[in-house]
C-alpha atoms as a PDB file:
ATOM      1  CA  MET A   1      -0.538   7.905 -22.718  1.00  0.00           C
ATOM      2  CA  ASN A   2      -3.680   8.063 -20.567  1.00  0.00           C
ATOM      3  CA  LEU A   3      -2.757   9.831 -17.338  1.00  0.00           C
ATOM      4  CA  ASP A   4      -6.167   9.369 -15.696  1.00  0.00           C
ATOM      5  CA  PRO A   5      -5.181   6.232 -13.696  1.00  0.00           C
ATOM      6  CA  LEU A   6      -2.056   7.968 -12.411  1.00  0.00           C
ATOM      7  CA  LEU A   7      -4.018  11.056 -11.393  1.00  0.00           C
ATOM      8  CA  THR A   8      -6.601   8.859  -9.673  1.00  0.00           C
ATOM      9  CA  ALA A   9      -3.834   7.085  -7.746  1.00  0.00           C
ATOM     10  CA  ALA A  10      -2.313  10.399  -6.663  1.00  0.00           C
ATOM     11  CA  ASP A  11      -5.720  11.704  -5.583  1.00  0.00           C
ATOM     12  CA  SER A  12      -6.320   8.547  -3.530  1.00  0.00           C
ATOM     13  CA  ALA A  13      -2.994   8.972  -1.726  1.00  0.00           C
ATOM     14  CA  LEU A  14      -3.709  12.602  -0.851  1.00  0.00           C
ATOM     15  CA  ARG A  15      -7.225  11.821   0.358  1.00  0.00           C
ATOM     16  CA  THR A  16      -6.072   8.881   2.475  1.00  0.00           C
ATOM     17  CA  LEU A  17      -3.269  10.778   4.176  1.00  0.00           C
ATOM     18  CA  PHE A  18      -4.575  14.319   4.451  1.00  0.00           C
ATOM     19  CA  VAL A  19      -8.397  14.347   4.237  1.00  0.00           C
ATOM     20  CA  SER A  20     -10.864  13.058   6.822  1.00  0.00           C
ATOM     21  CA  PRO A  21     -12.396   9.934   5.249  1.00  0.00           C
ATOM     22  CA  ARG A  22     -16.156   9.631   4.774  1.00  0.00           C
ATOM     23  CA  ALA A  23     -17.876   6.283   5.096  1.00  0.00           C
ATOM     24  CA  SER A  24     -20.665   5.135   2.801  1.00  0.00           C
ATOM     25  CA  ARG A  25     -22.052   2.843   5.531  1.00  0.00           C
ATOM     26  CA  ASP A  26     -23.049   3.639   9.079  1.00  0.00           C
ATOM     27  CA  CYS A  27     -20.399   2.882  11.670  1.00  0.00           C
ATOM     28  CA  PRO A  28     -21.390  -0.376  13.440  1.00  0.00           C
ATOM     29  CA  THR A  29     -20.970   1.012  16.942  1.00  0.00           C
ATOM     30  CA  LEU A  30     -23.227   1.007  19.940  1.00  0.00           C
ATOM     31  CA  PRO A  31     -24.458   4.207  21.655  1.00  0.00           C
ATOM     32  CA  GLU A  32     -21.900   6.403  23.401  1.00  0.00           C
ATOM     33  CA  SER A  33     -22.991   4.944  26.733  1.00  0.00           C
ATOM     34  CA  ALA A  34     -21.058   1.839  25.702  1.00  0.00           C
ATOM     35  CA  ASP A  35     -17.869   3.685  26.709  1.00  0.00           C
ATOM     36  CA  VAL A  36     -19.037   3.911  30.310  1.00  0.00           C
ATOM     37  CA  GLY A  37     -16.701   1.778  32.382  1.00  0.00           C
ATOM     38  CA  LEU A  38     -13.602   2.333  30.251  1.00  0.00           C
ATOM     39  CA  ASN A  39     -10.786   3.400  32.553  1.00  0.00           C
ATOM     40  CA  GLU A  40      -7.672   5.264  31.412  1.00  0.00           C
ATOM     41  CA  ASP A  41      -5.643   2.094  30.898  1.00  0.00           C
ATOM     42  CA  ASP A  42      -8.453   0.594  28.811  1.00  0.00           C
ATOM     43  CA  ARG A  43      -8.608   3.742  26.680  1.00  0.00           C
ATOM     44  CA  LYS A  44      -4.863   3.669  26.081  1.00  0.00           C
ATOM     45  CA  LEU A  45      -4.945   0.009  25.090  1.00  0.00           C
ATOM     46  CA  SER A  46      -7.956   0.480  22.810  1.00  0.00           C
ATOM     47  CA  GLY A  47      -6.366   3.554  21.282  1.00  0.00           C
ATOM     48  CA  ALA A  48      -3.149   1.679  20.508  1.00  0.00           C
ATOM     49  CA  LEU A  49      -5.015  -1.257  18.985  1.00  0.00           C
ATOM     50  CA  MET A  50      -7.289   0.951  16.911  1.00  0.00           C
ATOM     51  CA  ARG A  51      -4.250   2.921  15.725  1.00  0.00           C
ATOM     52  CA  VAL A  52      -2.816  -0.348  14.423  1.00  0.00           C
ATOM     53  CA  ASN A  53      -6.131  -1.086  12.699  1.00  0.00           C
ATOM     54  CA  HIS A  54      -6.190   2.411  11.211  1.00  0.00           C
ATOM     55  CA  VAL A  55      -2.685   1.841   9.797  1.00  0.00           C
ATOM     56  CA  GLY A  56      -3.958  -1.375   8.264  1.00  0.00           C
ATOM     57  CA  GLU A  57      -6.690   0.570   6.504  1.00  0.00           C
ATOM     58  CA  VAL A  58      -4.195   3.184   5.277  1.00  0.00           C
ATOM     59  CA  CYS A  59      -2.213   0.302   3.795  1.00  0.00           C
ATOM     60  CA  ALA A  60      -5.370  -1.221   2.311  1.00  0.00           C
ATOM     61  CA  GLN A  61      -6.072   2.018   0.453  1.00  0.00           C
ATOM     62  CA  ALA A  62      -2.537   1.970  -0.932  1.00  0.00           C
ATOM     63  CA  LEU A  63      -2.642  -1.709  -1.897  1.00  0.00           C
ATOM     64  CA  TYR A  64      -5.977  -1.600  -3.705  1.00  0.00           C
ATOM     65  CA  THR A  65      -5.148   1.680  -5.449  1.00  0.00           C
ATOM     66  CA  ALA A  66      -1.796   0.361  -6.654  1.00  0.00           C
ATOM     67  CA  GLN A  67      -3.222  -2.959  -7.803  1.00  0.00           C
ATOM     68  CA  ALA A  68      -6.027  -1.234  -9.696  1.00  0.00           C
ATOM     69  CA  LEU A  69      -3.454   1.037 -11.320  1.00  0.00           C
ATOM     70  CA  ALA A  70      -1.389  -1.979 -12.353  1.00  0.00           C
ATOM     71  CA  ALA A  71      -4.493  -3.739 -13.676  1.00  0.00           C
ATOM     72  CA  ARG A  72      -5.081  -0.845 -16.040  1.00  0.00           C
ATOM     73  CA  ARG A  73      -1.420  -0.980 -17.049  1.00  0.00           C
ATOM     74  CA  PRO A  74      -0.625   2.466 -18.488  1.00  0.00           C
ATOM     75  CA  GLY A  75       1.170   1.691 -21.695  1.00  0.00           C
ATOM     76  CA  GLY A  76       0.187  -1.973 -21.584  1.00  0.00           C
ATOM     77  CA  PRO A  77      -2.809  -4.353 -21.724  1.00  0.00           C
ATOM     78  CA  ALA A  78      -5.599  -3.423 -19.309  1.00  0.00           C
ATOM     79  CA  ASN A  79      -7.855  -5.638 -17.204  1.00  0.00           C
ATOM     80  CA  GLU A  80     -10.764  -3.324 -16.500  1.00  0.00           C
ATOM     81  CA  ALA A  81     -12.873  -5.970 -14.737  1.00  0.00           C
ATOM     82  CA  LEU A  82     -10.100  -6.671 -12.240  1.00  0.00           C
ATOM     83  CA  ALA A  83      -9.525  -2.950 -11.681  1.00  0.00           C
ATOM     84  CA  ARG A  84     -13.209  -2.429 -10.925  1.00  0.00           C
ATOM     85  CA  GLN A  85     -13.249  -5.350  -8.461  1.00  0.00           C
ATOM     86  CA  LEU A  86     -10.214  -3.939  -6.645  1.00  0.00           C
ATOM     87  CA  GLU A  87     -11.723  -0.468  -6.531  1.00  0.00           C
ATOM     88  CA  ALA A  88     -15.004  -1.812  -5.136  1.00  0.00           C
ATOM     89  CA  ALA A  89     -13.143  -3.549  -2.320  1.00  0.00           C
ATOM     90  CA  GLY A  90     -11.142  -0.373  -1.778  1.00  0.00           C
ATOM     91  CA  ARG A  91     -14.322   1.624  -1.277  1.00  0.00           C
ATOM     92  CA  GLU A  92     -15.364  -0.706   1.526  1.00  0.00           C
ATOM     93  CA  GLU A  93     -11.900  -0.295   3.022  1.00  0.00           C
ATOM     94  CA  THR A  94     -12.578   3.462   2.995  1.00  0.00           C
ATOM     95  CA  ASP A  95     -15.467   2.759   5.357  1.00  0.00           C
ATOM     96  CA  HIS A  96     -13.022   0.955   7.642  1.00  0.00           C
ATOM     97  CA  LEU A  97     -10.621   3.879   7.428  1.00  0.00           C
ATOM     98  CA  ALA A  98     -13.362   6.310   8.445  1.00  0.00           C
ATOM     99  CA  TRP A  99     -14.627   4.078  11.264  1.00  0.00           C
ATOM    100  CA  THR A 100     -11.184   3.570  12.788  1.00  0.00           C
ATOM    101  CA  GLN A 101     -10.362   7.278  12.461  1.00  0.00           C
ATOM    102  CA  GLY A 102     -13.611   8.183  14.197  1.00  0.00           C
ATOM    103  CA  ARG A 103     -12.962   5.704  16.967  1.00  0.00           C
ATOM    104  CA  LEU A 104      -9.441   7.066  17.498  1.00  0.00           C
ATOM    105  CA  ASP A 105     -10.976  10.526  17.917  1.00  0.00           C
ATOM    106  CA  GLU A 106     -13.490   9.213  20.453  1.00  0.00           C
ATOM    107  CA  LEU A 107     -10.733   7.527  22.445  1.00  0.00           C
ATOM    108  CA  GLY A 108      -8.530  10.624  22.376  1.00  0.00           C
ATOM    109  CA  ALA A 109      -5.839   8.721  20.484  1.00  0.00           C
ATOM    110  CA  ARG A 110      -3.850   9.781  17.432  1.00  0.00           C
ATOM    111  CA  PRO A 111      -3.130   8.008  14.142  1.00  0.00           C
ATOM    112  CA  SER A 112       0.348   6.676  13.478  1.00  0.00           C
ATOM    113  CA  LEU A 113       2.924   9.378  12.784  1.00  0.00           C
ATOM    114  CA  LEU A 114       4.382   7.106  10.109  1.00  0.00           C
ATOM    115  CA  ASN A 115       1.269   6.827   7.932  1.00  0.00           C
ATOM    116  CA  PRO A 116       2.978   8.331   4.835  1.00  0.00           C
ATOM    117  CA  LEU A 117       5.706   5.698   5.160  1.00  0.00           C
ATOM    118  CA  TRP A 118       3.180   2.877   5.593  1.00  0.00           C
ATOM    119  CA  TYR A 119       1.236   4.109   2.574  1.00  0.00           C
ATOM    120  CA  ALA A 120       4.325   4.336   0.360  1.00  0.00           C
ATOM    121  CA  GLY A 121       5.514   0.864   1.309  1.00  0.00           C
ATOM    122  CA  ALA A 122       2.105  -0.724   0.761  1.00  0.00           C
ATOM    123  CA  PHE A 123       1.685   1.069  -2.555  1.00  0.00           C
ATOM    124  CA  GLY A 124       4.989  -0.336  -3.773  1.00  0.00           C
ATOM    125  CA  LEU A 125       4.003  -3.863  -2.749  1.00  0.00           C
ATOM    126  CA  GLY A 126       0.608  -3.527  -4.416  1.00  0.00           C
ATOM    127  CA  LEU A 127       2.153  -2.244  -7.623  1.00  0.00           C
ATOM    128  CA  LEU A 128       4.627  -5.130  -7.661  1.00  0.00           C
ATOM    129  CA  ALA A 129       1.889  -7.708  -7.088  1.00  0.00           C
ATOM    130  CA  GLY A 130      -0.308  -6.114  -9.733  1.00  0.00           C
ATOM    131  CA  ARG A 131       2.466  -6.155 -12.310  1.00  0.00           C
ATOM    132  CA  MET A 132       2.766  -9.925 -11.936  1.00  0.00           C
ATOM    133  CA  GLY A 133      -0.622 -10.498 -13.505  1.00  0.00           C
ATOM    134  CA  PRO A 134      -4.252 -10.939 -12.433  1.00  0.00           C
ATOM    135  CA  GLY A 135      -3.792 -14.323 -10.750  1.00  0.00           C
ATOM    136  CA  VAL A 136      -0.923 -13.192  -8.552  1.00  0.00           C
ATOM    137  CA  SER A 137      -2.592  -9.862  -7.817  1.00  0.00           C
ATOM    138  CA  LEU A 138      -5.739 -11.633  -6.637  1.00  0.00           C
ATOM    139  CA  GLY A 139      -3.631 -14.159  -4.733  1.00  0.00           C
ATOM    140  CA  PHE A 140      -1.981 -11.256  -2.948  1.00  0.00           C
ATOM    141  CA  VAL A 141      -5.437  -9.954  -2.005  1.00  0.00           C
ATOM    142  CA  VAL A 142      -6.461 -13.365  -0.654  1.00  0.00           C
ATOM    143  CA  GLU A 143      -3.360 -13.763   1.495  1.00  0.00           C
ATOM    144  CA  THR A 144      -3.426 -10.159   2.707  1.00  0.00           C
ATOM    145  CA  GLU A 145      -7.075 -10.354   3.702  1.00  0.00           C
ATOM    146  CA  ARG A 146      -6.633 -13.706   5.437  1.00  0.00           C
ATOM    147  CA  GLN A 147      -3.764 -12.336   7.482  1.00  0.00           C
ATOM    148  CA  VAL A 148      -5.755  -9.203   8.309  1.00  0.00           C
ATOM    149  CA  GLU A 149      -8.736 -11.331   9.328  1.00  0.00           C
ATOM    150  CA  ALA A 150      -6.537 -13.314  11.726  1.00  0.00           C
ATOM    151  CA  HIS A 151      -5.047 -10.093  13.068  1.00  0.00           C
ATOM    152  CA  LEU A 152      -8.509  -8.630  13.725  1.00  0.00           C
ATOM    153  CA  ALA A 153      -9.565 -11.829  15.469  1.00  0.00           C
ATOM    154  CA  SER A 154      -6.604 -11.424  17.823  1.00  0.00           C
ATOM    155  CA  HIS A 155      -7.707  -7.856  18.550  1.00  0.00           C
ATOM    156  CA  MET A 156     -11.157  -9.110  19.532  1.00  0.00           C
ATOM    157  CA  ASP A 157      -9.377 -11.067  22.261  1.00  0.00           C
ATOM    158  CA  ARG A 158      -7.190  -8.128  23.336  1.00  0.00           C
ATOM    159  CA  LEU A 159      -9.665  -5.249  23.339  1.00  0.00           C
ATOM    160  CA  PRO A 160     -11.042  -4.406  26.802  1.00  0.00           C
ATOM    161  CA  PRO A 161     -14.396  -6.151  27.358  1.00  0.00           C
ATOM    162  CA  ALA A 162     -15.998  -2.796  28.153  1.00  0.00           C
ATOM    163  CA  ASP A 163     -14.990  -1.307  24.797  1.00  0.00           C
ATOM    164  CA  GLN A 164     -18.020  -2.503  22.894  1.00  0.00           C
ATOM    165  CA  ALA A 165     -17.740   0.290  20.309  1.00  0.00           C
ATOM    166  CA  SER A 166     -14.278  -0.755  19.138  1.00  0.00           C
ATOM    167  CA  ARG A 167     -15.261  -4.421  19.234  1.00  0.00           C
ATOM    168  CA  ALA A 168     -18.273  -3.767  16.977  1.00  0.00           C
ATOM    169  CA  ILE A 169     -16.083  -1.986  14.425  1.00  0.00           C
ATOM    170  CA  VAL A 170     -13.457  -4.714  14.448  1.00  0.00           C
ATOM    171  CA  ALA A 171     -16.088  -7.444  14.078  1.00  0.00           C
ATOM    172  CA  GLN A 172     -17.589  -5.801  10.988  1.00  0.00           C
ATOM    173  CA  MET A 173     -14.152  -5.205   9.504  1.00  0.00           C
ATOM    174  CA  LYS A 174     -13.274  -8.864  10.059  1.00  0.00           C
ATOM    175  CA  ASP A 175     -16.402  -9.985   8.201  1.00  0.00           C
ATOM    176  CA  ASP A 176     -15.659  -7.641   5.291  1.00  0.00           C
ATOM    177  CA  GLU A 177     -12.032  -8.807   4.989  1.00  0.00           C
ATOM    178  CA  ALA A 178     -13.120 -12.450   4.903  1.00  0.00           C
ATOM    179  CA  ARG A 179     -15.575 -11.653   2.110  1.00  0.00           C
ATOM    180  CA  HIS A 180     -12.922  -9.787   0.103  1.00  0.00           C
ATOM    181  CA  ALA A 181     -10.690 -12.849   0.339  1.00  0.00           C
ATOM    182  CA  ARG A 182     -13.489 -15.140  -0.859  1.00  0.00           C
ATOM    183  CA  GLU A 183     -14.328 -12.842  -3.765  1.00  0.00           C
ATOM    184  CA  ALA A 184     -10.701 -12.693  -4.869  1.00  0.00           C
ATOM    185  CA  GLN A 185     -10.427 -16.482  -4.581  1.00  0.00           C
ATOM    186  CA  HIS A 186     -13.510 -16.988  -6.745  1.00  0.00           C
ATOM    187  CA  ALA A 187     -12.177 -14.495  -9.310  1.00  0.00           C
ATOM    188  CA  GLY A 188      -9.172 -16.696 -10.058  1.00  0.00           C
ATOM    189  CA  ALA A 189      -6.519 -16.036  -7.424  1.00  0.00           C
ATOM    190  CA  THR A 190      -3.224 -17.899  -7.647  1.00  0.00           C
ATOM    191  CA  GLU A 191      -1.895 -19.480  -4.447  1.00  0.00           C
ATOM    192  CA  LEU A 192       1.206 -17.610  -3.339  1.00  0.00           C
ATOM    193  CA  PRO A 193       4.384 -19.549  -2.455  1.00  0.00           C
ATOM    194  CA  LEU A 194       4.941 -20.215   1.252  1.00  0.00           C
ATOM    195  CA  PRO A 195       8.105 -18.049   1.434  1.00  0.00           C
ATOM    196  CA  VAL A 196       6.136 -15.092   0.063  1.00  0.00           C
ATOM    197  CA  LYS A 197       3.388 -15.611   2.634  1.00  0.00           C
ATOM    198  CA  GLY A 198       6.049 -15.769   5.340  1.00  0.00           C
ATOM    199  CA  LEU A 199       7.614 -12.500   4.226  1.00  0.00           C
ATOM    200  CA  MET A 200       4.188 -10.861   4.233  1.00  0.00           C
ATOM    201  CA  ARG A 201       3.678 -11.983   7.830  1.00  0.00           C
ATOM    202  CA  VAL A 202       7.064 -10.605   8.875  1.00  0.00           C
ATOM    203  CA  ALA A 203       6.329  -7.250   7.233  1.00  0.00           C
ATOM    204  CA  ALA A 204       2.895  -7.120   8.870  1.00  0.00           C
ATOM    205  CA  LYS A 205       4.385  -7.950  12.280  1.00  0.00           C
ATOM    206  CA  LEU A 206       6.919  -5.142  11.946  1.00  0.00           C
ATOM    207  CA  MET A 207       4.219  -2.666  10.952  1.00  0.00           C
ATOM    208  CA  THR A 208       1.827  -3.604  13.754  1.00  0.00           C
ATOM    209  CA  THR A 209       4.568  -3.566  16.403  1.00  0.00           C
ATOM    210  CA  VAL A 210       5.781  -0.093  15.437  1.00  0.00           C
ATOM    211  CA  ALA A 211       2.307   1.347  14.846  1.00  0.00           C
ATOM    212  CA  HIS A 212       1.190   0.196  18.311  1.00  0.00           C
ATOM    213  CA  ARG A 213       3.557   2.809  19.760  1.00  0.00           C
ATOM    214  CA  ILE A 214       4.239   5.403  17.043  1.00  0.00           C
END
């Protein structure tokens, strides 16, 4: 049995949870002077919203890693092309993880204390979706990214107008998520049943509500 995919998945989990992420693209923020005018309440609100976004990127790492692992199917038929597509999207999500972590630091806010729990839950969901075959796995990507895109759009409305740095990050993330959804759709995604989409929304709502505070 080839253990390389399992070792890669374990390495990804450790890096996501315990190592400062490094982006391959420049953070799309404005100069530091953009934070002039942010009062303490604005900073607290931005910090809470960016913590939620950071949790989303922790979950994205788990989802893409698990789905790529399932695509390679240790002990079963592998779909290397699908695994590579998932890993490529995951690398862009690493940029998001680094950007949101950096912004949290700038705002004096902390990541969610429950990140290991969020990662474990998302990894399990990604593994389940991946085990159901390429079409369902890609369909899961499409629905996840569409929901994330809508969530980020709502944050654009909620972020303080003076917080141009956070808004620039969220805008770029939103564009990337929309593209990931389109790429998965073009690769042969299967439309998920409405009850499944509804359950995904409920789970996402629970995560974002808790992560806003903890």
